[in-house]
Structures are given as C-alpha cells and as structure tokens.
Protein backbone atom coordinates (compact mmCIF):
# COMPACT_ATOMS: atom_id res chain seq x y z
CA MET A 1 0.00 0.00 0.00
CA ALA A 2 2.72 2.48 1.00
CA GLU A 3 4.78 1.66 -2.13
CA LYS A 4 1.77 2.24 -4.41
CA LEU A 5 0.94 5.57 -2.75
CA ASN A 6 4.55 6.61 -3.22
CA VAL A 7 4.12 5.97 -6.96
CA TYR A 8 1.03 8.20 -6.93
CA GLU A 9 3.03 11.00 -5.28
CA ILE A 10 5.91 10.65 -7.73
CA VAL A 11 3.56 10.76 -10.70
CA THR A 12 1.75 13.82 -9.32
CA GLN A 13 5.03 15.67 -8.81
CA LYS A 14 6.29 14.81 -12.30
CA ILE A 15 3.09 16.10 -13.86
CA ILE A 16 3.36 19.36 -11.95
CA GLU A 17 6.97 19.73 -13.14
CA GLN A 18 5.90 19.17 -16.76
CA LEU A 19 2.95 21.55 -16.77
CA GLU A 20 4.88 24.45 -18.26
CA LYS A 21 6.09 22.46 -21.29
CA GLY A 22 3.48 22.99 -23.97
CA VAL A 23 -0.11 22.13 -24.70
CA ILE A 24 -1.69 19.33 -26.70
CA PRO A 25 -5.40 20.26 -26.65
CA TRP A 26 -6.66 17.17 -28.53
CA ARG A 27 -4.82 14.07 -27.43
CA LYS A 28 -5.09 11.26 -30.00
CA PRO A 29 -2.00 9.03 -29.66
CA TRP A 30 -3.41 6.40 -32.03
CA VAL A 31 -3.17 6.36 -35.83
CA ASN A 32 -6.03 6.28 -38.36
CA ALA A 33 -7.84 8.96 -36.32
CA ASN A 34 -8.29 11.64 -38.98
CA ALA A 35 -11.32 12.56 -41.03
CA VAL A 36 -10.19 12.90 -44.66
CA ASN A 37 -11.68 13.78 -48.02
CA TRP A 38 -12.18 10.47 -49.83
CA VAL A 39 -11.21 11.87 -53.24
CA THR A 40 -8.01 13.69 -52.25
CA GLN A 41 -7.20 11.79 -49.00
CA LYS A 42 -6.32 15.16 -47.47
CA PRO A 43 -7.31 15.57 -43.80
CA TYR A 44 -9.96 18.13 -42.87
CA ARG A 45 -8.73 21.02 -40.77
CA GLY A 46 -9.91 23.46 -38.12
CA ILE A 47 -13.35 23.01 -36.61
CA ASN A 48 -14.05 20.18 -39.07
CA THR A 49 -11.73 17.93 -37.06
CA MET A 50 -14.27 18.20 -34.23
CA LEU A 51 -17.39 18.01 -36.41
CA LEU A 52 -16.40 14.78 -38.16
CA SER A 53 -15.67 11.34 -36.76
CA PRO A 54 -12.61 9.55 -38.21
CA GLY A 55 -13.29 8.28 -41.71
CA GLU A 56 -13.37 9.15 -45.42
CA TYR A 57 -15.98 11.65 -46.60
CA ALA A 58 -17.35 12.72 -49.97
CA THR A 59 -20.20 14.86 -51.25
CA PHE A 60 -23.28 13.37 -52.90
CA LYS A 61 -21.96 14.60 -56.26
CA GLN A 62 -18.54 13.04 -55.73
CA ILE A 63 -20.12 9.76 -54.72
CA SER A 64 -22.44 9.69 -57.73
CA GLU A 65 -19.69 10.59 -60.19
CA ALA A 66 -17.54 7.76 -58.81
CA GLY A 67 -20.37 5.24 -59.30
CA GLY A 68 -21.39 4.95 -55.68
CA LYS A 69 -24.75 5.24 -53.95
CA VAL A 70 -25.66 6.75 -50.60
CA LYS A 71 -27.44 4.21 -48.40
CA LYS A 72 -31.10 4.83 -47.72
CA GLY A 73 -31.60 6.78 -44.50
CA ALA A 74 -27.95 7.85 -44.24
CA LYS A 75 -27.59 11.18 -42.46
CA SER A 76 -25.07 13.63 -43.89
CA GLU A 77 -22.45 15.53 -41.89
CA ILE A 78 -21.47 19.16 -42.34
CA VAL A 79 -18.07 20.47 -43.46
CA VAL A 80 -17.58 24.21 -43.03
CA PHE A 81 -15.27 26.55 -44.93
CA TRP A 82 -14.66 30.26 -45.48
CA LYS A 83 -15.43 31.83 -48.84
CA TRP A 84 -14.04 35.29 -49.57
CA LEU A 85 -16.33 37.76 -51.29
CA GLU A 86 -15.12 40.94 -52.92
CA LYS A 87 -17.12 44.07 -52.18
CA GLU A 88 -16.56 47.72 -52.97
CA ASN A 89 -16.59 49.94 -49.89
CA GLU A 90 -17.75 53.56 -49.55
CA GLU A 91 -14.34 54.81 -50.63
CA GLY A 92 -14.53 52.87 -53.88
CA LYS A 93 -11.90 50.37 -52.81
CA THR A 94 -12.37 46.62 -53.13
CA GLU A 95 -12.21 44.67 -49.88
CA LYS A 96 -12.59 41.00 -49.13
CA ILE A 97 -15.30 39.85 -46.74
CA PRO A 98 -15.25 36.32 -45.23
CA LEU A 99 -18.44 34.32 -45.57
CA LEU A 100 -18.87 31.09 -43.67
CA ARG A 101 -20.32 28.35 -45.88
CA PHE A 102 -20.88 24.64 -45.53
CA TYR A 103 -21.50 21.55 -47.59
CA ARG A 104 -22.76 18.08 -46.73
CA VAL A 105 -20.74 14.88 -46.86
CA PHE A 106 -21.21 11.15 -46.26
CA GLU A 107 -18.74 8.65 -44.81
CA ILE A 108 -18.03 6.23 -47.66
CA ASN A 109 -17.22 3.15 -45.51
CA THR A 110 -20.43 3.19 -43.49
CA GLN A 111 -22.94 5.28 -45.46
CA VAL A 112 -22.15 4.50 -49.09
CA GLU A 113 -22.48 1.46 -51.35
CA GLY A 114 -20.28 0.68 -54.34
CA LEU A 115 -17.11 2.56 -53.31
CA ASN A 116 -13.96 1.26 -51.64
CA SER A 117 -11.71 2.90 -49.11
CA LYS A 118 -8.61 4.62 -50.47
CA ARG A 119 -7.00 4.96 -47.07
CA GLU A 120 -3.86 3.03 -46.31
CA VAL A 121 -4.46 1.74 -42.80
CA VAL A 122 -1.32 1.75 -40.67
CA THR A 123 -1.04 -0.77 -37.84
CA PHE A 124 1.73 -1.88 -35.49
CA GLU A 125 2.60 -5.20 -33.89
CA HIS A 126 2.99 -5.08 -30.13
CA ASN A 127 3.11 -7.58 -27.32
CA PRO A 128 0.67 -6.73 -24.51
CA VAL A 129 2.20 -5.22 -21.38
CA GLU A 130 1.52 -7.83 -18.70
CA LYS A 131 1.09 -5.44 -15.77
CA GLY A 132 -1.15 -3.20 -17.85
CA GLU A 133 -3.31 -6.17 -18.84
CA ASN A 134 -3.50 -7.29 -15.21
CA ILE A 135 -4.82 -3.87 -14.15
CA HIS A 136 -7.41 -3.89 -16.93
CA LYS A 137 -8.60 -7.44 -16.26
CA GLY A 138 -8.46 -7.00 -12.50
CA TYR A 139 -11.01 -4.17 -12.52
CA ILE A 140 -13.93 -5.74 -10.64
CA ASN A 141 -17.44 -4.44 -11.36
CA SER A 142 -16.04 -2.95 -14.56
CA PRO A 143 -18.03 -1.49 -17.46
CA SER A 144 -18.33 -3.29 -20.80
CA TYR A 145 -15.61 -2.77 -23.41
CA SER A 146 -15.14 -2.55 -27.16
CA PHE A 147 -11.97 -1.93 -29.15
CA HIS A 148 -12.90 -0.16 -32.38
CA SER A 149 -10.58 2.20 -34.25
CA GLY A 150 -11.21 5.92 -34.32
CA LYS A 151 -12.36 7.18 -30.93
CA ALA A 152 -11.78 6.67 -27.22
CA TYR A 153 -14.74 7.34 -24.95
CA TYR A 154 -16.77 6.32 -21.91
CA LEU A 155 -20.56 6.33 -22.18
CA PRO A 156 -22.07 6.71 -18.67
CA GLY A 157 -25.60 5.82 -19.81
CA ARG A 158 -24.47 2.48 -21.21
CA ASP A 159 -21.57 2.09 -18.77
CA HIS A 160 -19.39 1.26 -21.76
CA ILE A 161 -15.80 2.01 -22.81
CA ASN A 162 -14.34 2.04 -26.31
CA VAL A 163 -10.68 2.55 -27.11
CA PRO A 164 -8.81 2.01 -30.38
CA PRO A 165 -7.06 -1.39 -30.30
CA LEU A 166 -3.40 -1.88 -29.36
CA LYS A 167 -2.38 -2.24 -33.02
CA ASP A 168 -3.43 1.39 -33.68
CA TYR A 169 -0.69 2.84 -31.45
CA LYS A 170 2.90 3.42 -32.45
CA ASN A 171 3.81 3.44 -28.76
CA PRO A 172 2.04 0.57 -26.93
CA HIS A 173 2.29 2.44 -23.63
CA GLU A 174 -0.05 5.10 -25.01
CA TYR A 175 -2.67 2.39 -25.50
CA TYR A 176 -2.69 1.63 -21.78
CA SER A 177 -2.64 5.32 -20.90
CA THR A 178 -5.72 5.83 -23.10
CA LEU A 179 -7.46 2.73 -21.73
CA PHE A 180 -6.74 3.75 -18.13
CA HIS A 181 -8.05 7.26 -18.82
CA GLU A 182 -11.45 5.88 -19.83
CA MET A 183 -11.42 3.36 -16.98
CA VAL A 184 -10.92 6.20 -14.49
CA HIS A 185 -13.89 8.04 -16.04
CA SER A 186 -15.97 4.91 -15.48
CA THR A 187 -15.24 4.89 -11.74
CA GLY A 188 -17.44 7.99 -11.49
CA ASN A 189 -20.51 5.91 -12.33
CA GLN A 190 -23.30 5.84 -9.73
CA SER A 191 -22.59 2.14 -9.08
CA ARG A 192 -18.97 2.94 -8.15
CA LEU A 193 -17.63 6.24 -6.74
CA ALA A 194 -20.58 8.40 -7.89
CA ARG A 195 -18.41 11.34 -8.97
CA SER A 196 -20.11 14.60 -9.96
CA GLY A 197 -18.13 14.90 -13.20
CA ILE A 198 -19.86 11.77 -14.50
CA LEU A 199 -23.25 12.06 -12.78
CA GLU A 200 -23.93 15.71 -13.62
CA LYS A 201 -24.68 16.89 -17.12
CA ALA A 202 -21.69 18.85 -18.39
CA SER A 203 -20.87 20.72 -21.58
CA PHE A 204 -17.57 20.35 -23.38
CA GLY A 205 -14.99 22.65 -21.79
CA ASP A 206 -17.04 23.82 -18.81
CA GLU A 207 -15.78 23.55 -15.23
CA ILE A 208 -17.38 20.18 -14.43
CA TYR A 209 -16.10 18.65 -17.67
CA SER A 210 -12.62 20.09 -17.22
CA ARG A 211 -12.30 18.86 -13.64
CA GLU A 212 -13.33 15.37 -14.67
CA GLU A 213 -10.70 15.38 -17.43
CA LEU A 214 -8.05 16.32 -14.88
CA ILE A 215 -9.10 13.43 -12.65
CA ALA A 216 -9.15 10.94 -15.52
CA GLU A 217 -5.71 11.91 -16.80
CA MET A 218 -4.16 12.02 -13.33
CA GLY A 219 -5.64 8.61 -12.53
CA ALA A 220 -4.39 7.21 -15.84
CA ALA A 221 -0.88 8.49 -15.12
CA MET A 222 -0.98 6.90 -11.66
CA LEU A 223 -2.07 3.55 -13.06
CA CYS A 224 0.71 3.78 -15.66
CA GLY A 225 3.12 4.31 -12.79
CA VAL A 226 1.82 1.23 -10.97
CA ALA A 227 2.13 -0.78 -14.20
CA GLY A 228 5.70 0.42 -14.72
CA ILE A 229 4.79 1.96 -18.05
CA ASP A 230 7.26 4.32 -19.75
CA ASN A 231 7.29 7.71 -18.08
CA SER A 232 7.40 9.45 -21.47
CA THR A 233 3.62 9.25 -21.32
CA ILE A 234 3.83 11.68 -18.40
CA GLU A 235 4.82 14.50 -20.77
CA ASN A 236 1.75 13.91 -22.93
CA SER A 237 -0.45 13.71 -19.84
CA ALA A 238 0.94 16.96 -18.49
CA SER A 239 0.35 18.76 -21.78
CA TYR A 240 -3.20 17.42 -21.94
CA ILE A 241 -3.85 18.43 -18.33
CA ASN A 242 -2.48 21.91 -19.04
CA SER A 243 -5.08 22.41 -21.76
CA TRP A 244 -7.88 21.79 -19.25
CA LEU A 245 -6.25 23.92 -16.57
CA ARG A 246 -6.56 26.86 -18.94
CA ALA A 247 -10.32 26.33 -18.86
CA LEU A 248 -10.08 26.49 -15.06
CA LYS A 249 -8.11 29.78 -15.01
CA ASP A 250 -4.75 28.01 -14.81
CA ASP A 251 -5.17 27.20 -11.11
CA LYS A 252 -2.55 24.50 -10.60
CA ARG A 253 -3.83 23.82 -7.09
CA LEU A 254 -6.56 21.95 -8.90
CA VAL A 255 -3.97 19.33 -9.85
CA ILE A 256 -3.58 18.43 -6.18
CA GLN A 257 -7.36 18.32 -5.73
CA ALA A 258 -7.72 16.18 -8.85
CA ALA A 259 -4.93 13.92 -7.60
CA SER A 260 -6.96 13.10 -4.50
CA GLN A 261 -9.96 12.03 -6.59
CA ALA A 262 -7.66 10.24 -9.02
CA GLN A 263 -6.12 8.21 -6.19
CA LYS A 264 -9.57 7.06 -5.14
CA ALA A 265 -10.35 6.06 -8.72
CA ALA A 266 -7.04 4.22 -9.17
CA ASP A 267 -7.51 2.42 -5.86
CA TYR A 268 -11.00 1.36 -6.90
CA ILE A 269 -9.71 -0.08 -10.19
CA LEU A 270 -6.85 -1.85 -8.39
CA GLY A 271 -9.23 -3.26 -5.79
CA THR A 272 -7.58 -1.44 -2.90
CA GLN A 273 -9.73 -0.90 0.18
CA TYR A 274 -9.91 2.88 0.49
CA GLN A 275 -10.73 4.44 3.83
CA GLU A 276 -12.45 7.83 3.67
CA GLY A 277 -10.04 10.55 4.76
CA GLU A 278 -6.92 8.48 4.05
CA ASN A 279 -4.41 10.45 1.93
CA ALA A 280 -7.21 12.67 0.71
C-alpha cells in the first residue's frame, strides 16, 4: 500500500513539473484517427476535425460521379469553410469579406455502397504489457468494453468504454494510458464512486467537464506508474492536463485536488480498500 501511494506521489510531482512544457489540446495518440476527403485523401482542418468522426468523406456529387450510392436513411455531416467575397466599400476600394459556408458529406465506408476505401491503414505489432493487462482485467465491477478504431470514450448511460485497439498505437504504452483514462472516467458511475463529473450533465470545456478530465488523466498516469509503463507518457499527460487547466483559469492547485480524486479512482480499479479521509 505504501509503495503504491509513493508511486502516486511521484507521478503527481512529475506532472506538476511538466505543466509548463506545452499544450496538446486534442490528445489522440493512435493512428487512423483523422477525417479525410475520400477523393483527395487530405485531412480536414480546423473546426471540421471536431465536427467529423474519423473516416473518409465525400459529397453526394462526388459519390455519384464515382459510381457509388448513398445508403437509404444515411444522415449527412457538415463540413464548413470560409469563402471570400469581394465588395466595394464607400471609398470605392475593393475589400474581401469572409463568408462562412458549408457543404454536406457522407462517410463512404459506413454510409455508401459501391465505393472502396482509399485509405492506407497503418497498424503496429505489439506484445501486450503484462502489468497493464492485469490492471485492466483485475477491474472488478467494470463497465463493458469494445476496441474499435477511431475514438476513445466512456458512455455513462451504457456504462461502456471504447478505445482504439493496441495495433493502432505506435507506442504501446499510449494504448494503456488511453485505456486507463477511460477506466478512471468509469469509476465515477453511480454504481462505483458516484463522482459529480460523471453524474452531472456537463458541456464540453465547462468547469465540471474540465475537472473530470483532470481526474481521468491524473488517474491514468498513476495507473501507468503502478504498471511500470514508460514515463514518457507523463509528458503527454501533463500537456493534456495543461489544456484543461486553462479552462479552469490556470489554477494549478486543482492538480492536487484532482490527484486526491484520481487516487480514489485508481484504488477502486486496483481493488484497494480505500478508507475515507486516508491520503485525501
């Protein structure tokens, strides 16, 4: 028990030391995570990276011209872009005015018939990390799991976790960091630690959401420490945490507060009997 808590403290201190070293707002350490234009295979940029799930997208016209057919009932997604209009001002000079436009696209692998993927899927061969697997499999009263490429998430309503499979990560340690992150989220379920960040409805980026992200990433880093996983993941965790601290007015005291909740979550996953008030 004392040795494990020492690991927690070491991890917490390392994260605090790393917090001034850059920001990675959208952490996606797995490959094949981009949304791309099916015709050009160029990734979408800006806000479109948040609007679109990973995949290959094309317009109705592009699909038809290529000999494909949109499946009945398929719902299109929106891609936005800026179009510059030229207008003459009161002084007789021409100025450019930005106009936000959008067009609709369909994902060709799931919503279209008759077309094949052009994407070259990159995968890696890794041996599972035994201690990481033991932590995952030892999580009693755990949620259900799936391992589909593209997104990592925890769905409280279904009590379900999805993470991209091990083969999608260049660094296998990032797979366990991602898996542990979602596992820590799941400890907030009503049937476990009943944490407000999971029980209360929160909007992306608000205080409740940001605090929960701090807890999940701190807990993941602690579990990585217990598993003996490469500490290079600490730098990524710190950068990710820093992005959420900005939403919380850069109050680094919140890291210590999050660490307390993260310890409880890590202990729950590890099956440690936690006494209220102990190392809080």
